[in-house]
Each structure stands twice: as structure tokens, then as C-alpha cells.
Amino acid sequence: MSAPALLRLALEDDVAVALRPLAPGDLLGPDFAGLVLRESIPLGHKVALRPIAAGAPVRKCGVPIGRATRPIAPGEHVHVHNLASAVLVNALDHAEE
């Protein structure tokens, strides 16, 4: 039996964490059947489990970790190129006050 590929920390999470480097075409295991990786995902990075709209909160560990800066498709790498961190979002929100 091979090691798990992804870890979803809470049922309501929008992302899962790569437990090893992943590439398109890799088998992800029965819990992620139907999820197709669109690109390589480095160890410890996040992959979208469902569509995420631009501006929508992104949940990990059951809590928002930031907002999508553009639409994110299932199987896409979620990182600084498409996610504004919750810390940055909060700082920007307060700067506008």
C-alpha cells in the first residue's frame, strides 16, 4: 500500500496538503477519487479540492486562511500566486478604515 498523497485537516476545508511532491496524473487515493491535479504540487503545499471563486475565503483546518485572488479550479496549486493570506487581508481591511 502506498503512502497517502494528500491530507484534508477538516471536512469543510477547501484545500488539502500534499504529503509528498505530486505531479499531474498521480494517484491520490480513495478519499480524493475524481480529483485531477492540474499542475505539480510541492511537498507541504495546498491543492484545491473544489472550485473557489475570486474573493472567496479559503479554509484550511476549518478556518479561513485567506481569500482567493482569482478563481481557483479543483486540483490547482493554492499558494501566494492565487491566495492573499488572512493576515494581509485583515491588514488591508484595517488600512482602509
PDB file of N, CA and C in Angstrom:
ATOM      1  N   MET A   1       0.848  -1.177   0.000  1.00  0.00           N
ATOM      2  CA  MET A   1       0.000   0.000   0.000  1.00  0.00           C
ATOM      3  C   MET A   1       0.895   1.242   0.000  1.00  0.00           C
ATOM      4  N   SER A   2       0.575   2.212  -0.861  1.00  0.00           N
ATOM      5  CA  SER A   2       1.392   3.419  -0.952  1.00  0.00           C
ATOM      6  C   SER A   2       0.971   4.429   0.116  1.00  0.00           C
ATOM      7  N   ALA A   3       1.882   5.333   0.421  1.00  0.00           N
ATOM      8  CA  ALA A   3       1.622   6.374   1.421  1.00  0.00           C
ATOM      9  C   ALA A   3       0.551   7.330   0.895  1.00  0.00           C
ATOM     10  N   PRO A   4      -0.252   7.908   1.785  1.00  0.00           N
ATOM     11  CA  PRO A   4      -1.264   8.876   1.342  1.00  0.00           C
ATOM     12  C   PRO A   4      -0.606  10.052   0.622  1.00  0.00           C
ATOM     13  N   ALA A   5      -1.337  10.607  -0.335  1.00  0.00           N
ATOM     14  CA  ALA A   5      -0.817  11.730  -1.117  1.00  0.00           C
ATOM     15  C   ALA A   5      -1.217  13.071  -0.531  1.00  0.00           C
ATOM     16  N   LEU A   6      -2.438  13.144   0.007  1.00  0.00           N
ATOM     17  CA  LEU A   6      -2.992  14.409   0.496  1.00  0.00           C
ATOM     18  C   LEU A   6      -3.589  14.230   1.880  1.00  0.00           C
ATOM     19  N   LEU A   7      -3.633  15.314   2.620  1.00  0.00           N
ATOM     20  CA  LEU A   7      -4.266  15.319   3.941  1.00  0.00           C
ATOM     21  C   LEU A   7      -5.229  16.493   4.007  1.00  0.00           C
ATOM     22  N   ARG A   8      -6.520  16.170   4.203  1.00  0.00           N
ATOM     23  CA  ARG A   8      -7.517  17.216   4.462  1.00  0.00           C
ATOM     24  C   ARG A   8      -7.699  17.250   5.972  1.00  0.00           C
ATOM     25  N   LEU A   9      -7.494  18.411   6.561  1.00  0.00           N
ATOM     26  CA  LEU A   9      -7.484  18.528   8.012  1.00  0.00           C
ATOM     27  C   LEU A   9      -8.864  18.667   8.631  1.00  0.00           C
ATOM     28  N   ALA A  10      -9.837  19.183   7.869  1.00  0.00           N
ATOM     29  CA  ALA A  10     -11.216  19.298   8.351  1.00  0.00           C
ATOM     30  C   ALA A  10     -12.153  19.096   7.171  1.00  0.00           C
ATOM     31  N   LEU A  11     -13.329  18.537   7.420  1.00  0.00           N
ATOM     32  CA  LEU A  11     -14.264  18.239   6.336  1.00  0.00           C
ATOM     33  C   LEU A  11     -14.645  19.471   5.530  1.00  0.00           C
ATOM     34  N   GLU A  12     -14.717  20.631   6.166  1.00  0.00           N
ATOM     35  CA  GLU A  12     -15.134  21.845   5.462  1.00  0.00           C
ATOM     36  C   GLU A  12     -13.993  22.557   4.727  1.00  0.00           C
ATOM     37  N   ASP A  13     -12.787  21.990   4.769  1.00  0.00           N
ATOM     38  CA  ASP A  13     -11.640  22.616   4.103  1.00  0.00           C
ATOM     39  C   ASP A  13     -11.810  22.671   2.593  1.00  0.00           C
ATOM     40  N   ASP A  14     -11.321  23.756   2.005  1.00  0.00           N
ATOM     41  CA  ASP A  14     -11.303  23.930   0.555  1.00  0.00           C
ATOM     42  C   ASP A  14     -10.029  23.370  -0.053  1.00  0.00           C
ATOM     43  N   VAL A  15      -9.038  23.091   0.788  1.00  0.00           N
ATOM     44  CA  VAL A  15      -7.727  22.636   0.333  1.00  0.00           C
ATOM     45  C   VAL A  15      -7.288  21.414   1.140  1.00  0.00           C
ATOM     46  N   ALA A  16      -6.356  20.677   0.541  1.00  0.00           N
ATOM     47  CA  ALA A  16      -5.668  19.596   1.241  1.00  0.00           C
ATOM     48  C   ALA A  16      -4.175  19.860   1.095  1.00  0.00           C
ATOM     49  N   VAL A  17      -3.386  19.259   1.974  1.00  0.00           N
ATOM     50  CA  VAL A  17      -1.939  19.455   1.996  1.00  0.00           C
ATOM     51  C   VAL A  17      -1.250  18.250   1.352  1.00  0.00           C
ATOM     52  N   ALA A  18      -0.297  18.530   0.482  1.00  0.00           N
ATOM     53  CA  ALA A  18       0.467  17.459  -0.173  1.00  0.00           C
ATOM     54  C   ALA A  18       1.433  16.836   0.827  1.00  0.00           C
ATOM     55  N   LEU A  19       1.352  15.515   0.991  1.00  0.00           N
ATOM     56  CA  LEU A  19       2.223  14.786   1.911  1.00  0.00           C
ATOM     57  C   LEU A  19       3.491  14.285   1.233  1.00  0.00           C
ATOM     58  N   ARG A  20       3.586  14.542  -0.054  1.00  0.00           N
ATOM     59  CA  ARG A  20       4.773  14.240  -0.850  1.00  0.00           C
ATOM     60  C   ARG A  20       4.676  15.103  -2.103  1.00  0.00           C
ATOM     61  N   PRO A  21       5.754  15.303  -2.817  1.00  0.00           N
ATOM     62  CA  PRO A  21       5.645  16.039  -4.077  1.00  0.00           C
ATOM     63  C   PRO A  21       4.687  15.306  -5.021  1.00  0.00           C
ATOM     64  N   LEU A  22       3.801  16.055  -5.667  1.00  0.00           N
ATOM     65  CA  LEU A  22       2.786  15.462  -6.533  1.00  0.00           C
ATOM     66  C   LEU A  22       2.895  16.037  -7.939  1.00  0.00           C
ATOM     67  N   ALA A  23       2.508  15.229  -8.919  1.00  0.00           N
ATOM     68  CA  ALA A  23       2.518  15.648 -10.320  1.00  0.00           C
ATOM     69  C   ALA A  23       1.188  15.270 -10.957  1.00  0.00           C
ATOM     70  N   PRO A  24       0.810  15.982 -12.026  1.00  0.00           N
ATOM     71  CA  PRO A  24      -0.415  15.593 -12.735  1.00  0.00           C
ATOM     72  C   PRO A  24      -0.364  14.110 -13.090  1.00  0.00           C
ATOM     73  N   GLY A  25      -1.481  13.438 -12.884  1.00  0.00           N
ATOM     74  CA  GLY A  25      -1.552  12.007 -13.171  1.00  0.00           C
ATOM     75  C   GLY A  25      -1.284  11.116 -11.975  1.00  0.00           C
ATOM     76  N   ASP A  26      -0.747  11.674 -10.889  1.00  0.00           N
ATOM     77  CA  ASP A  26      -0.511  10.865  -9.684  1.00  0.00           C
ATOM     78  C   ASP A  26      -1.834  10.368  -9.112  1.00  0.00           C
ATOM     79  N   LEU A  27      -1.822   9.157  -8.579  1.00  0.00           N
ATOM     80  CA  LEU A  27      -2.983   8.632  -7.875  1.00  0.00           C
ATOM     81  C   LEU A  27      -3.019   9.242  -6.485  1.00  0.00           C
ATOM     82  N   LEU A  28      -4.181   9.742  -6.098  1.00  0.00           N
ATOM     83  CA  LEU A  28      -4.299  10.486  -4.844  1.00  0.00           C
ATOM     84  C   LEU A  28      -4.961   9.691  -3.733  1.00  0.00           C
ATOM     85  N   GLY A  29      -5.498   8.541  -4.038  1.00  0.00           N
ATOM     86  CA  GLY A  29      -6.131   7.704  -3.030  1.00  0.00           C
ATOM     87  C   GLY A  29      -7.640   7.817  -3.068  1.00  0.00           C
ATOM     88  N   PRO A  30      -8.313   6.883  -2.393  1.00  0.00           N
ATOM     89  CA  PRO A  30      -9.775   6.794  -2.468  1.00  0.00           C
ATOM     90  C   PRO A  30     -10.505   8.016  -1.909  1.00  0.00           C
ATOM     91  N   ASP A  31      -9.926   8.702  -0.945  1.00  0.00           N
ATOM     92  CA  ASP A  31     -10.596   9.879  -0.382  1.00  0.00           C
ATOM     93  C   ASP A  31     -10.632  11.046  -1.362  1.00  0.00           C
ATOM     94  N   PHE A  32      -9.816  10.986  -2.411  1.00  0.00           N
ATOM     95  CA  PHE A  32      -9.729  12.079  -3.380  1.00  0.00           C
ATOM     96  C   PHE A  32     -10.023  11.588  -4.798  1.00  0.00           C
ATOM     97  N   ALA A  33     -10.800  10.517  -4.900  1.00  0.00           N
ATOM     98  CA  ALA A  33     -11.180   9.985  -6.206  1.00  0.00           C
ATOM     99  C   ALA A  33     -11.888  11.080  -6.998  1.00  0.00           C
ATOM    100  N   GLY A  34     -11.522  11.219  -8.242  1.00  0.00           N
ATOM    101  CA  GLY A  34     -12.134  12.237  -9.089  1.00  0.00           C
ATOM    102  C   GLY A  34     -11.378  13.556  -9.113  1.00  0.00           C
ATOM    103  N   LEU A  35     -10.482  13.777  -8.153  1.00  0.00           N
ATOM    104  CA  LEU A  35      -9.670  14.997  -8.157  1.00  0.00           C
ATOM    105  C   LEU A  35      -8.497  14.779  -9.105  1.00  0.00           C
ATOM    106  N   VAL A  36      -8.347  15.670 -10.063  1.00  0.00           N
ATOM    107  CA  VAL A  36      -7.273  15.584 -11.050  1.00  0.00           C
ATOM    108  C   VAL A  36      -6.342  16.767 -10.853  1.00  0.00           C
ATOM    109  N   LEU A  37      -5.085  16.485 -10.589  1.00  0.00           N
ATOM    110  CA  LEU A  37      -4.109  17.562 -10.411  1.00  0.00           C
ATOM    111  C   LEU A  37      -3.869  18.265 -11.735  1.00  0.00           C
ATOM    112  N   ARG A  38      -3.895  19.586 -11.710  1.00  0.00           N
ATOM    113  CA  ARG A  38      -3.681  20.401 -12.908  1.00  0.00           C
ATOM    114  C   ARG A  38      -2.212  20.765 -13.096  1.00  0.00           C
ATOM    115  N   GLU A  39      -1.435  20.622 -12.021  1.00  0.00           N
ATOM    116  CA  GLU A  39      -0.028  21.016 -12.052  1.00  0.00           C
ATOM    117  C   GLU A  39       0.699  20.302 -10.917  1.00  0.00           C
ATOM    118  N   SER A  40       1.999  20.420 -10.885  1.00  0.00           N
ATOM    119  CA  SER A  40       2.779  19.828  -9.791  1.00  0.00           C
ATOM    120  C   SER A  40       2.504  20.575  -8.495  1.00  0.00           C
ATOM    121  N   ILE A  41       2.487  19.819  -7.394  1.00  0.00           N
ATOM    122  CA  ILE A  41       2.248  20.383  -6.070  1.00  0.00           C
ATOM    123  C   ILE A  41       3.436  19.987  -5.197  1.00  0.00           C
ATOM    124  N   PRO A  42       4.196  20.979  -4.684  1.00  0.00           N
ATOM    125  CA  PRO A  42       5.340  20.643  -3.822  1.00  0.00           C
ATOM    126  C   PRO A  42       4.886  20.077  -2.470  1.00  0.00           C
ATOM    127  N   LEU A  43       5.751  19.308  -1.851  1.00  0.00           N
ATOM    128  CA  LEU A  43       5.517  18.779  -0.505  1.00  0.00           C
ATOM    129  C   LEU A  43       5.113  19.911   0.434  1.00  0.00           C
ATOM    130  N   GLY A  44       4.032  19.715   1.176  1.00  0.00           N
ATOM    131  CA  GLY A  44       3.580  20.688   2.169  1.00  0.00           C
ATOM    132  C   GLY A  44       2.727  21.810   1.617  1.00  0.00           C
ATOM    133  N   HIS A  45       2.556  21.857   0.302  1.00  0.00           N
ATOM    134  CA  HIS A  45       1.741  22.915  -0.295  1.00  0.00           C
ATOM    135  C   HIS A  45       0.291  22.461  -0.408  1.00  0.00           C
ATOM    136  N   LYS A  46      -0.577  23.412  -0.712  1.00  0.00           N
ATOM    137  CA  LYS A  46      -2.012  23.164  -0.756  1.00  0.00           C
ATOM    138  C   LYS A  46      -2.497  22.923  -2.183  1.00  0.00           C
ATOM    139  N   VAL A  47      -3.533  22.088  -2.294  1.00  0.00           N
ATOM    140  CA  VAL A  47      -4.214  21.837  -3.569  1.00  0.00           C
ATOM    141  C   VAL A  47      -5.709  22.067  -3.331  1.00  0.00           C
ATOM    142  N   ALA A  48      -6.360  22.732  -4.281  1.00  0.00           N
ATOM    143  CA  ALA A  48      -7.793  22.998  -4.166  1.00  0.00           C
ATOM    144  C   ALA A  48      -8.583  21.708  -4.335  1.00  0.00           C
ATOM    145  N   LEU A  49      -9.564  21.518  -3.458  1.00  0.00           N
ATOM    146  CA  LEU A  49     -10.410  20.334  -3.515  1.00  0.00           C
ATOM    147  C   LEU A  49     -11.709  20.587  -4.271  1.00  0.00           C
ATOM    148  N   ARG A  50     -12.077  21.851  -4.415  1.00  0.00           N
ATOM    149  CA  ARG A  50     -13.325  22.236  -5.083  1.00  0.00           C
ATOM    150  C   ARG A  50     -13.115  23.600  -5.721  1.00  0.00           C
ATOM    151  N   PRO A  51     -14.022  24.039  -6.574  1.00  0.00           N
ATOM    152  CA  PRO A  51     -13.872  25.375  -7.154  1.00  0.00           C
ATOM    153  C   PRO A  51     -13.942  26.442  -6.057  1.00  0.00           C
ATOM    154  N   ILE A  52     -13.089  27.448  -6.178  1.00  0.00           N
ATOM    155  CA  ILE A  52     -13.057  28.564  -5.227  1.00  0.00           C
ATOM    156  C   ILE A  52     -13.166  29.842  -6.052  1.00  0.00           C
ATOM    157  N   ALA A  53     -14.172  30.641  -5.788  1.00  0.00           N
ATOM    158  CA  ALA A  53     -14.396  31.878  -6.540  1.00  0.00           C
ATOM    159  C   ALA A  53     -13.416  32.963  -6.111  1.00  0.00           C
ATOM    160  N   ALA A  54     -13.119  33.864  -7.024  1.00  0.00           N
ATOM    161  CA  ALA A  54     -12.281  35.019  -6.692  1.00  0.00           C
ATOM    162  C   ALA A  54     -12.931  35.785  -5.537  1.00  0.00           C
ATOM    163  N   GLY A  55     -12.144  36.121  -4.539  1.00  0.00           N
ATOM    164  CA  GLY A  55     -12.636  36.850  -3.377  1.00  0.00           C
ATOM    165  C   GLY A  55     -13.207  35.979  -2.267  1.00  0.00           C
ATOM    166  N   ALA A  56     -13.402  34.697  -2.557  1.00  0.00           N
ATOM    167  CA  ALA A  56     -13.982  33.790  -1.554  1.00  0.00           C
ATOM    168  C   ALA A  56     -12.932  33.418  -0.512  1.00  0.00           C
ATOM    169  N   PRO A  57     -13.375  33.199   0.728  1.00  0.00           N
ATOM    170  CA  PRO A  57     -12.435  32.710   1.736  1.00  0.00           C
ATOM    171  C   PRO A  57     -11.966  31.298   1.379  1.00  0.00           C
ATOM    172  N   VAL A  58     -10.729  30.995   1.739  1.00  0.00           N
ATOM    173  CA  VAL A  58     -10.157  29.664   1.547  1.00  0.00           C
ATOM    174  C   VAL A  58      -9.942  29.079   2.938  1.00  0.00           C
ATOM    175  N   ARG A  59     -10.532  27.909   3.186  1.00  0.00           N
ATOM    176  CA  ARG A  59     -10.466  27.284   4.505  1.00  0.00           C
ATOM    177  C   ARG A  59      -9.458  26.146   4.549  1.00  0.00           C
ATOM    178  N   LYS A  60      -8.680  26.137   5.638  1.00  0.00           N
ATOM    179  CA  LYS A  60      -7.759  25.043   5.976  1.00  0.00           C
ATOM    180  C   LYS A  60      -7.859  24.886   7.487  1.00  0.00           C
ATOM    181  N   CYS A  61      -7.849  23.685   7.981  1.00  0.00           N
ATOM    182  CA  CYS A  61      -8.042  23.404   9.421  1.00  0.00           C
ATOM    183  C   CYS A  61      -9.396  23.926   9.896  1.00  0.00           C
ATOM    184  N   GLY A  62     -10.341  24.055   8.969  1.00  0.00           N
ATOM    185  CA  GLY A  62     -11.679  24.507   9.324  1.00  0.00           C
ATOM    186  C   GLY A  62     -11.830  26.003   9.480  1.00  0.00           C
ATOM    187  N   VAL A  63     -10.789  26.771   9.250  1.00  0.00           N
ATOM    188  CA  VAL A  63     -10.852  28.227   9.405  1.00  0.00           C
ATOM    189  C   VAL A  63     -10.311  28.920   8.150  1.00  0.00           C
ATOM    190  N   PRO A  64     -10.787  30.141   7.879  1.00  0.00           N
ATOM    191  CA  PRO A  64     -10.258  30.866   6.717  1.00  0.00           C
ATOM    192  C   PRO A  64      -8.781  31.214   6.920  1.00  0.00           C
ATOM    193  N   ILE A  65      -7.989  30.948   5.880  1.00  0.00           N
ATOM    194  CA  ILE A  65      -6.560  31.288   5.919  1.00  0.00           C
ATOM    195  C   ILE A  65      -6.254  32.449   4.982  1.00  0.00           C
ATOM    196  N   GLY A  66      -7.256  32.879   4.224  1.00  0.00           N
ATOM    197  CA  GLY A  66      -7.082  33.979   3.287  1.00  0.00           C
ATOM    198  C   GLY A  66      -8.222  34.001   2.296  1.00  0.00           C
ATOM    199  N   ARG A  67      -8.032  34.791   1.239  1.00  0.00           N
ATOM    200  CA  ARG A  67      -9.036  34.912   0.182  1.00  0.00           C
ATOM    201  C   ARG A  67      -8.390  34.619  -1.169  1.00  0.00           C
ATOM    202  N   ALA A  68      -9.168  34.003  -2.038  1.00  0.00           N
ATOM    203  CA  ALA A  68      -8.687  33.727  -3.394  1.00  0.00           C
ATOM    204  C   ALA A  68      -8.561  35.049  -4.147  1.00  0.00           C
ATOM    205  N   THR A  69      -7.436  35.266  -4.799  1.00  0.00           N
ATOM    206  CA  THR A  69      -7.236  36.498  -5.562  1.00  0.00           C
ATOM    207  C   THR A  69      -7.730  36.354  -6.996  1.00  0.00           C
ATOM    208  N   ARG A  70      -8.091  35.133  -7.372  1.00  0.00           N
ATOM    209  CA  ARG A  70      -8.665  34.836  -8.685  1.00  0.00           C
ATOM    210  C   ARG A  70      -9.386  33.496  -8.548  1.00  0.00           C
ATOM    211  N   PRO A  71     -10.207  33.115  -9.521  1.00  0.00           N
ATOM    212  CA  PRO A  71     -10.848  31.795  -9.431  1.00  0.00           C
ATOM    213  C   PRO A  71      -9.788  30.689  -9.380  1.00  0.00           C
ATOM    214  N   ILE A  72     -10.052  29.678  -8.548  1.00  0.00           N
ATOM    215  CA  ILE A  72      -9.145  28.544  -8.400  1.00  0.00           C
ATOM    216  C   ILE A  72      -9.931  27.276  -8.701  1.00  0.00           C
ATOM    217  N   ALA A  73      -9.400  26.467  -9.606  1.00  0.00           N
ATOM    218  CA  ALA A  73     -10.072  25.233 -10.011  1.00  0.00           C
ATOM    219  C   ALA A  73      -9.640  24.068  -9.126  1.00  0.00           C
ATOM    220  N   PRO A  74     -10.498  23.046  -8.985  1.00  0.00           N
ATOM    221  CA  PRO A  74     -10.097  21.844  -8.256  1.00  0.00           C
ATOM    222  C   PRO A  74      -8.826  21.253  -8.870  1.00  0.00           C
ATOM    223  N   GLY A  75      -7.907  20.822  -8.019  1.00  0.00           N
ATOM    224  CA  GLY A  75      -6.656  20.234  -8.479  1.00  0.00           C
ATOM    225  C   GLY A  75      -5.554  21.247  -8.738  1.00  0.00           C
ATOM    226  N   GLU A  76      -5.851  22.527  -8.518  1.00  0.00           N
ATOM    227  CA  GLU A  76      -4.868  23.581  -8.752  1.00  0.00           C
ATOM    228  C   GLU A  76      -4.055  23.858  -7.485  1.00  0.00           C
ATOM    229  N   HIS A  77      -2.802  24.202  -7.673  1.00  0.00           N
ATOM    230  CA  HIS A  77      -1.913  24.598  -6.575  1.00  0.00           C
ATOM    231  C   HIS A  77      -2.457  25.885  -5.958  1.00  0.00           C
ATOM    232  N   VAL A  78      -2.574  25.924  -4.641  1.00  0.00           N
ATOM    233  CA  VAL A  78      -3.036  27.118  -3.923  1.00  0.00           C
ATOM    234  C   VAL A  78      -1.864  27.651  -3.127  1.00  0.00           C
ATOM    235  N   HIS A  79      -1.430  28.859  -3.480  1.00  0.00           N
ATOM    236  CA  HIS A  79      -0.253  29.462  -2.846  1.00  0.00           C
ATOM    237  C   HIS A  79      -0.319  30.976  -3.061  1.00  0.00           C
ATOM    238  N   VAL A  80       0.777  31.655  -2.889  1.00  0.00           N
ATOM    239  CA  VAL A  80       0.797  33.125  -2.926  1.00  0.00           C
ATOM    240  C   VAL A  80       0.375  33.708  -4.277  1.00  0.00           C
ATOM    241  N   HIS A  81       0.428  32.929  -5.346  1.00  0.00           N
ATOM    242  CA  HIS A  81       0.043  33.443  -6.663  1.00  0.00           C
ATOM    243  C   HIS A  81      -1.469  33.548  -6.844  1.00  0.00           C
ATOM    244  N   ASN A  82      -2.253  32.907  -5.955  1.00  0.00           N
ATOM    245  CA  ASN A  82      -3.708  32.967  -6.083  1.00  0.00           C
ATOM    246  C   ASN A  82      -4.422  33.058  -4.731  1.00  0.00           C
ATOM    247  N   LEU A  83      -3.677  33.352  -3.673  1.00  0.00           N
ATOM    248  CA  LEU A  83      -4.231  33.429  -2.320  1.00  0.00           C
ATOM    249  C   LEU A  83      -3.616  34.605  -1.580  1.00  0.00           C
ATOM    250  N   ALA A  84      -4.449  35.492  -1.056  1.00  0.00           N
ATOM    251  CA  ALA A  84      -3.983  36.556  -0.168  1.00  0.00           C
ATOM    252  C   ALA A  84      -4.188  36.057   1.251  1.00  0.00           C
ATOM    253  N   SER A  85      -3.124  36.048   2.043  1.00  0.00           N
ATOM    254  CA  SER A  85      -3.208  35.475   3.389  1.00  0.00           C
ATOM    255  C   SER A  85      -4.181  36.260   4.252  1.00  0.00           C
ATOM    256  N   ALA A  86      -4.743  35.580   5.248  1.00  0.00           N
ATOM    257  CA  ALA A  86      -5.689  36.221   6.159  1.00  0.00           C
ATOM    258  C   ALA A  86      -5.036  37.390   6.879  1.00  0.00           C
ATOM    259  N   VAL A  87      -3.765  37.276   7.208  1.00  0.00           N
ATOM    260  CA  VAL A  87      -3.058  38.369   7.892  1.00  0.00           C
ATOM    261  C   VAL A  87      -3.011  39.591   6.993  1.00  0.00           C
ATOM    262  N   LEU A  88      -2.659  39.403   5.725  1.00  0.00           N
ATOM    263  CA  LEU A  88      -2.589  40.509   4.785  1.00  0.00           C
ATOM    264  C   LEU A  88      -3.973  41.082   4.520  1.00  0.00           C
ATOM    265  N   VAL A  89      -4.974  40.227   4.335  1.00  0.00           N
ATOM    266  CA  VAL A  89      -6.336  40.691   4.095  1.00  0.00           C
ATOM    267  C   VAL A  89      -6.814  41.536   5.262  1.00  0.00           C
ATOM    268  N   ASN A  90      -6.589  41.081   6.508  1.00  0.00           N
ATOM    269  CA  ASN A  90      -7.001  41.850   7.687  1.00  0.00           C
ATOM    270  C   ASN A  90      -6.277  43.180   7.754  1.00  0.00           C
ATOM    271  N   ALA A  91      -4.990  43.194   7.448  1.00  0.00           N
ATOM    272  CA  ALA A  91      -4.223  44.438   7.484  1.00  0.00           C
ATOM    273  C   ALA A  91      -4.756  45.422   6.447  1.00  0.00           C
ATOM    274  N   LEU A  92      -5.052  44.942   5.252  1.00  0.00           N
ATOM    275  CA  LEU A  92      -5.574  45.820   4.204  1.00  0.00           C
ATOM    276  C   LEU A  92      -6.957  46.327   4.564  1.00  0.00           C
ATOM    277  N   ASP A  93      -7.798  45.476   5.141  1.00  0.00           N
ATOM    278  CA  ASP A  93      -9.132  45.904   5.562  1.00  0.00           C
ATOM    279  C   ASP A  93      -9.042  47.045   6.576  1.00  0.00           C
ATOM    280  N   HIS A  94      -8.121  46.928   7.542  1.00  0.00           N
ATOM    281  CA  HIS A  94      -7.978  47.951   8.572  1.00  0.00           C
ATOM    282  C   HIS A  94      -7.325  49.218   8.018  1.00  0.00           C
ATOM    283  N   ALA A  95      -6.487  49.090   7.008  1.00  0.00           N
ATOM    284  CA  ALA A  95      -5.843  50.259   6.407  1.00  0.00           C
ATOM    285  C   ALA A  95      -6.864  51.147   5.687  1.00  0.00           C
ATOM    286  N   GLU A  96      -7.958  50.555   5.219  1.00  0.00           N
ATOM    287  CA  GLU A  96      -8.980  51.311   4.516  1.00  0.00           C
ATOM    288  C   GLU A  96      -9.907  52.074   5.455  1.00  0.00           C
ATOM    289  N   GLU A  97      -9.859  51.772   6.738  1.00  0.00           N
ATOM    290  CA  GLU A  97     -10.761  52.417   7.717  1.00  0.00           C
ATOM    291  C   GLU A  97     -10.361  53.850   7.981  1.00  0.00           C
TER     292      GLU A  97
END
